[in-house]
Amino acid sequence: AADAREALAVVRRMAQQPYGVTDHAVAALLSACAAAADAEVGEQAAKFASDRNAVVVQNALIDMYGKCGRIGDARAVFDTMTVRDTISYGA
């Protein structure tokens, strides 16, 4: 859980910079939350993913929700995806 919290802190700092937060940084944050199965930090991290349609972010969001036991939320993300890949189906 400490890694997920640190990742969230890093992304928050990135958001304050002129270059902002990249899709890959958000995906890495969500992956850290998934690895820790930390739903609390995951919910905060999901806010960074809410307006991103990149498949890599959506896949990480599905994975994070699934590993945190929030299958309904994972399914909702999957259902709203306009583009899916093999990772989407595997998540």
N, C-alpha and C. Protein backbone atom coordinates (compact mmCIF):
# COMPACT_ATOMS: atom_id res chain seq x y z
N ALA A 1 0.83 -1.20 0.00
CA ALA A 1 0.00 0.00 0.00
C ALA A 1 0.86 1.25 0.00
N ALA A 2 2.04 1.17 0.59
CA ALA A 2 2.93 2.33 0.62
C ALA A 2 3.36 2.73 -0.79
N ASP A 3 3.60 1.74 -1.66
CA ASP A 3 3.98 2.05 -3.04
C ASP A 3 2.85 2.77 -3.77
N ALA A 4 1.62 2.34 -3.55
CA ALA A 4 0.48 2.98 -4.19
C ALA A 4 0.33 4.42 -3.71
N ARG A 5 0.51 4.62 -2.42
CA ARG A 5 0.40 5.99 -1.88
C ARG A 5 1.52 6.89 -2.41
N GLU A 6 2.73 6.34 -2.53
CA GLU A 6 3.84 7.12 -3.08
C GLU A 6 3.59 7.44 -4.54
N ALA A 7 3.08 6.47 -5.29
CA ALA A 7 2.77 6.71 -6.71
C ALA A 7 1.72 7.80 -6.85
N LEU A 8 0.72 7.77 -5.99
CA LEU A 8 -0.32 8.81 -6.02
C LEU A 8 0.29 10.18 -5.74
N ALA A 9 1.20 10.25 -4.78
CA ALA A 9 1.85 11.52 -4.45
C ALA A 9 2.66 12.05 -5.64
N VAL A 10 3.35 11.15 -6.33
CA VAL A 10 4.14 11.55 -7.51
C VAL A 10 3.22 12.09 -8.61
N VAL A 11 2.14 11.41 -8.87
CA VAL A 11 1.22 11.85 -9.92
C VAL A 11 0.57 13.18 -9.55
N ARG A 12 0.26 13.36 -8.29
CA ARG A 12 -0.28 14.66 -7.86
C ARG A 12 0.72 15.78 -8.10
N ARG A 13 2.00 15.51 -7.83
CA ARG A 13 3.04 16.52 -8.09
C ARG A 13 3.15 16.78 -9.59
N MET A 14 3.07 15.72 -10.39
CA MET A 14 3.13 15.88 -11.85
C MET A 14 1.99 16.76 -12.35
N ALA A 15 0.81 16.60 -11.76
CA ALA A 15 -0.36 17.37 -12.19
C ALA A 15 -0.17 18.87 -11.98
N GLN A 16 0.71 19.23 -11.08
CA GLN A 16 0.97 20.64 -10.81
C GLN A 16 2.03 21.24 -11.73
N GLN A 17 2.65 20.41 -12.53
CA GLN A 17 3.71 20.87 -13.43
C GLN A 17 3.11 21.25 -14.79
N PRO A 18 3.79 22.10 -15.54
CA PRO A 18 3.28 22.51 -16.85
C PRO A 18 3.06 21.35 -17.82
N TYR A 19 3.86 20.30 -17.73
CA TYR A 19 3.73 19.18 -18.65
C TYR A 19 2.60 18.23 -18.27
N GLY A 20 2.12 18.33 -17.05
CA GLY A 20 0.97 17.54 -16.62
C GLY A 20 1.27 16.06 -16.43
N VAL A 21 0.22 15.28 -16.45
CA VAL A 21 0.28 13.85 -16.20
C VAL A 21 0.04 13.10 -17.50
N THR A 22 0.92 12.17 -17.81
CA THR A 22 0.76 11.39 -19.03
C THR A 22 -0.15 10.18 -18.79
N ASP A 23 -0.66 9.62 -19.88
CA ASP A 23 -1.48 8.41 -19.78
C ASP A 23 -0.69 7.27 -19.14
N HIS A 24 0.57 7.17 -19.48
CA HIS A 24 1.39 6.08 -18.94
C HIS A 24 1.64 6.25 -17.44
N ALA A 25 1.75 7.49 -16.99
CA ALA A 25 1.89 7.73 -15.55
C ALA A 25 0.62 7.32 -14.81
N VAL A 26 -0.53 7.64 -15.38
CA VAL A 26 -1.80 7.24 -14.77
C VAL A 26 -1.92 5.72 -14.75
N ALA A 27 -1.55 5.08 -15.85
CA ALA A 27 -1.61 3.61 -15.91
C ALA A 27 -0.68 2.98 -14.87
N ALA A 28 0.51 3.55 -14.69
CA ALA A 28 1.44 3.04 -13.68
C ALA A 28 0.88 3.22 -12.27
N LEU A 29 0.25 4.35 -12.03
CA LEU A 29 -0.38 4.60 -10.74
C LEU A 29 -1.47 3.56 -10.47
N LEU A 30 -2.32 3.32 -11.45
CA LEU A 30 -3.39 2.34 -11.29
C LEU A 30 -2.83 0.94 -11.08
N SER A 31 -1.74 0.63 -11.76
CA SER A 31 -1.10 -0.68 -11.59
C SER A 31 -0.55 -0.84 -10.18
N ALA A 32 0.00 0.23 -9.61
CA ALA A 32 0.50 0.18 -8.24
C ALA A 32 -0.65 -0.06 -7.27
N CYS A 33 -1.79 0.57 -7.53
CA CYS A 33 -2.96 0.36 -6.68
C CYS A 33 -3.48 -1.06 -6.82
N ALA A 34 -3.45 -1.59 -8.04
CA ALA A 34 -3.90 -2.97 -8.27
C ALA A 34 -2.99 -3.95 -7.55
N ALA A 35 -1.68 -3.73 -7.63
CA ALA A 35 -0.73 -4.63 -6.98
C ALA A 35 -0.91 -4.63 -5.47
N ALA A 36 -1.28 -3.48 -4.92
CA ALA A 36 -1.49 -3.38 -3.48
C ALA A 36 -2.92 -3.74 -3.08
N ALA A 37 -3.80 -3.90 -4.09
CA ALA A 37 -5.23 -4.13 -3.84
C ALA A 37 -5.76 -3.09 -2.86
N ASP A 38 -5.35 -1.84 -3.09
CA ASP A 38 -5.70 -0.73 -2.21
C ASP A 38 -6.85 0.06 -2.83
N ALA A 39 -8.07 -0.27 -2.44
CA ALA A 39 -9.25 0.38 -3.01
C ALA A 39 -9.33 1.85 -2.65
N GLU A 40 -8.87 2.21 -1.47
CA GLU A 40 -8.93 3.61 -1.03
C GLU A 40 -8.07 4.50 -1.92
N VAL A 41 -6.82 4.13 -2.10
CA VAL A 41 -5.93 4.89 -2.97
C VAL A 41 -6.38 4.73 -4.43
N GLY A 42 -6.86 3.55 -4.76
CA GLY A 42 -7.35 3.30 -6.12
C GLY A 42 -8.47 4.24 -6.51
N GLU A 43 -9.36 4.53 -5.59
CA GLU A 43 -10.46 5.45 -5.87
C GLU A 43 -9.93 6.86 -6.15
N GLN A 44 -8.93 7.27 -5.39
CA GLN A 44 -8.31 8.58 -5.64
C GLN A 44 -7.58 8.58 -6.98
N ALA A 45 -6.93 7.47 -7.29
CA ALA A 45 -6.20 7.35 -8.56
C ALA A 45 -7.16 7.35 -9.74
N ALA A 46 -8.32 6.77 -9.56
CA ALA A 46 -9.31 6.68 -10.64
C ALA A 46 -9.74 8.07 -11.12
N LYS A 47 -9.64 9.06 -10.26
CA LYS A 47 -10.00 10.43 -10.65
C LYS A 47 -9.08 10.93 -11.76
N PHE A 48 -7.83 10.48 -11.76
CA PHE A 48 -6.89 10.89 -12.81
C PHE A 48 -7.21 10.19 -14.14
N ALA A 49 -7.95 9.10 -14.07
CA ALA A 49 -8.27 8.32 -15.27
C ALA A 49 -9.62 8.68 -15.85
N SER A 50 -10.42 9.43 -15.13
CA SER A 50 -11.81 9.64 -15.51
C SER A 50 -12.01 10.29 -16.88
N ASP A 51 -11.10 11.14 -17.29
CA ASP A 51 -11.27 11.82 -18.57
C ASP A 51 -10.29 11.32 -19.64
N ARG A 52 -9.72 10.16 -19.42
CA ARG A 52 -8.74 9.62 -20.36
C ARG A 52 -9.32 8.41 -21.07
N ASN A 53 -9.25 8.44 -22.39
CA ASN A 53 -9.79 7.34 -23.18
C ASN A 53 -8.73 6.40 -23.72
N ALA A 54 -7.48 6.62 -23.35
CA ALA A 54 -6.40 5.76 -23.83
C ALA A 54 -6.63 4.34 -23.34
N VAL A 55 -6.45 3.39 -24.23
CA VAL A 55 -6.67 1.98 -23.90
C VAL A 55 -5.78 1.55 -22.74
N VAL A 56 -4.55 2.02 -22.70
CA VAL A 56 -3.63 1.63 -21.62
C VAL A 56 -4.17 2.07 -20.26
N VAL A 57 -4.79 3.23 -20.19
CA VAL A 57 -5.37 3.71 -18.93
C VAL A 57 -6.62 2.92 -18.58
N GLN A 58 -7.48 2.72 -19.55
CA GLN A 58 -8.72 1.98 -19.30
C GLN A 58 -8.43 0.55 -18.87
N ASN A 59 -7.45 -0.08 -19.50
CA ASN A 59 -7.07 -1.44 -19.11
C ASN A 59 -6.56 -1.48 -17.67
N ALA A 60 -5.73 -0.51 -17.31
CA ALA A 60 -5.19 -0.45 -15.95
C ALA A 60 -6.31 -0.19 -14.94
N LEU A 61 -7.29 0.60 -15.33
CA LEU A 61 -8.43 0.89 -14.46
C LEU A 61 -9.26 -0.37 -14.23
N ILE A 62 -9.51 -1.13 -15.29
CA ILE A 62 -10.23 -2.40 -15.17
C ILE A 62 -9.47 -3.34 -14.24
N ASP A 63 -8.18 -3.46 -14.44
CA ASP A 63 -7.35 -4.35 -13.62
C ASP A 63 -7.38 -3.92 -12.16
N MET A 64 -7.25 -2.63 -11.91
CA MET A 64 -7.25 -2.12 -10.55
C MET A 64 -8.58 -2.40 -9.87
N TYR A 65 -9.67 -2.08 -10.54
CA TYR A 65 -10.98 -2.34 -9.94
C TYR A 65 -11.17 -3.83 -9.66
N GLY A 66 -10.77 -4.66 -10.60
CA GLY A 66 -10.91 -6.11 -10.41
C GLY A 66 -10.12 -6.62 -9.22
N LYS A 67 -8.88 -6.18 -9.09
CA LYS A 67 -8.04 -6.64 -7.99
C LYS A 67 -8.45 -6.06 -6.64
N CYS A 68 -9.21 -4.98 -6.67
CA CYS A 68 -9.74 -4.40 -5.43
C CYS A 68 -11.13 -4.95 -5.11
N GLY A 69 -11.60 -5.92 -5.91
CA GLY A 69 -12.88 -6.55 -5.65
C GLY A 69 -14.08 -5.76 -6.12
N ARG A 70 -13.87 -4.79 -6.97
CA ARG A 70 -14.96 -3.94 -7.46
C ARG A 70 -15.29 -4.33 -8.90
N ILE A 71 -15.82 -5.53 -9.03
CA ILE A 71 -16.08 -6.11 -10.35
C ILE A 71 -17.10 -5.29 -11.14
N GLY A 72 -18.11 -4.77 -10.48
CA GLY A 72 -19.11 -3.95 -11.16
C GLY A 72 -18.50 -2.71 -11.79
N ASP A 73 -17.57 -2.07 -11.07
CA ASP A 73 -16.89 -0.90 -11.62
C ASP A 73 -15.99 -1.28 -12.78
N ALA A 74 -15.31 -2.43 -12.65
CA ALA A 74 -14.46 -2.91 -13.75
C ALA A 74 -15.30 -3.15 -15.00
N ARG A 75 -16.44 -3.79 -14.82
CA ARG A 75 -17.33 -4.07 -15.96
C ARG A 75 -17.87 -2.79 -16.58
N ALA A 76 -18.18 -1.80 -15.74
CA ALA A 76 -18.68 -0.52 -16.25
C ALA A 76 -17.64 0.16 -17.14
N VAL A 77 -16.38 0.13 -16.72
CA VAL A 77 -15.31 0.72 -17.53
C VAL A 77 -15.21 -0.03 -18.86
N PHE A 78 -15.19 -1.36 -18.78
CA PHE A 78 -15.09 -2.19 -19.99
C PHE A 78 -16.24 -1.88 -20.95
N ASP A 79 -17.44 -1.78 -20.43
CA ASP A 79 -18.62 -1.54 -21.27
C ASP A 79 -18.59 -0.19 -21.97
N THR A 80 -17.93 0.79 -21.36
CA THR A 80 -17.90 2.12 -21.97
C THR A 80 -16.71 2.33 -22.91
N MET A 81 -15.81 1.37 -22.98
CA MET A 81 -14.64 1.52 -23.85
C MET A 81 -15.06 1.49 -25.31
N THR A 82 -14.54 2.44 -26.08
CA THR A 82 -14.83 2.47 -27.51
C THR A 82 -13.84 1.63 -28.31
N VAL A 83 -12.64 1.45 -27.74
CA VAL A 83 -11.61 0.61 -28.35
C VAL A 83 -11.13 -0.37 -27.30
N ARG A 84 -11.08 -1.66 -27.67
CA ARG A 84 -10.60 -2.69 -26.75
C ARG A 84 -9.50 -3.47 -27.46
N ASP A 85 -8.59 -4.01 -26.66
CA ASP A 85 -7.56 -4.89 -27.21
C ASP A 85 -7.58 -6.20 -26.41
N THR A 86 -6.63 -7.08 -26.69
CA THR A 86 -6.63 -8.37 -25.99
C THR A 86 -6.42 -8.20 -24.50
N ILE A 87 -5.70 -7.17 -24.08
CA ILE A 87 -5.49 -6.92 -22.67
C ILE A 87 -6.81 -6.52 -22.01
N SER A 88 -7.62 -5.77 -22.70
CA SER A 88 -8.93 -5.37 -22.17
C SER A 88 -9.75 -6.61 -21.82
N TYR A 89 -9.77 -7.57 -22.72
CA TYR A 89 -10.56 -8.78 -22.49
C TYR A 89 -9.95 -9.64 -21.40
N GLY A 90 -8.64 -9.65 -21.29
CA GLY A 90 -7.98 -10.42 -20.25
C GLY A 90 -8.12 -9.82 -18.87
N ALA A 91 -8.20 -8.50 -18.81
CA ALA A 91 -8.33 -7.84 -17.51
C ALA A 91 -9.67 -8.15 -16.90
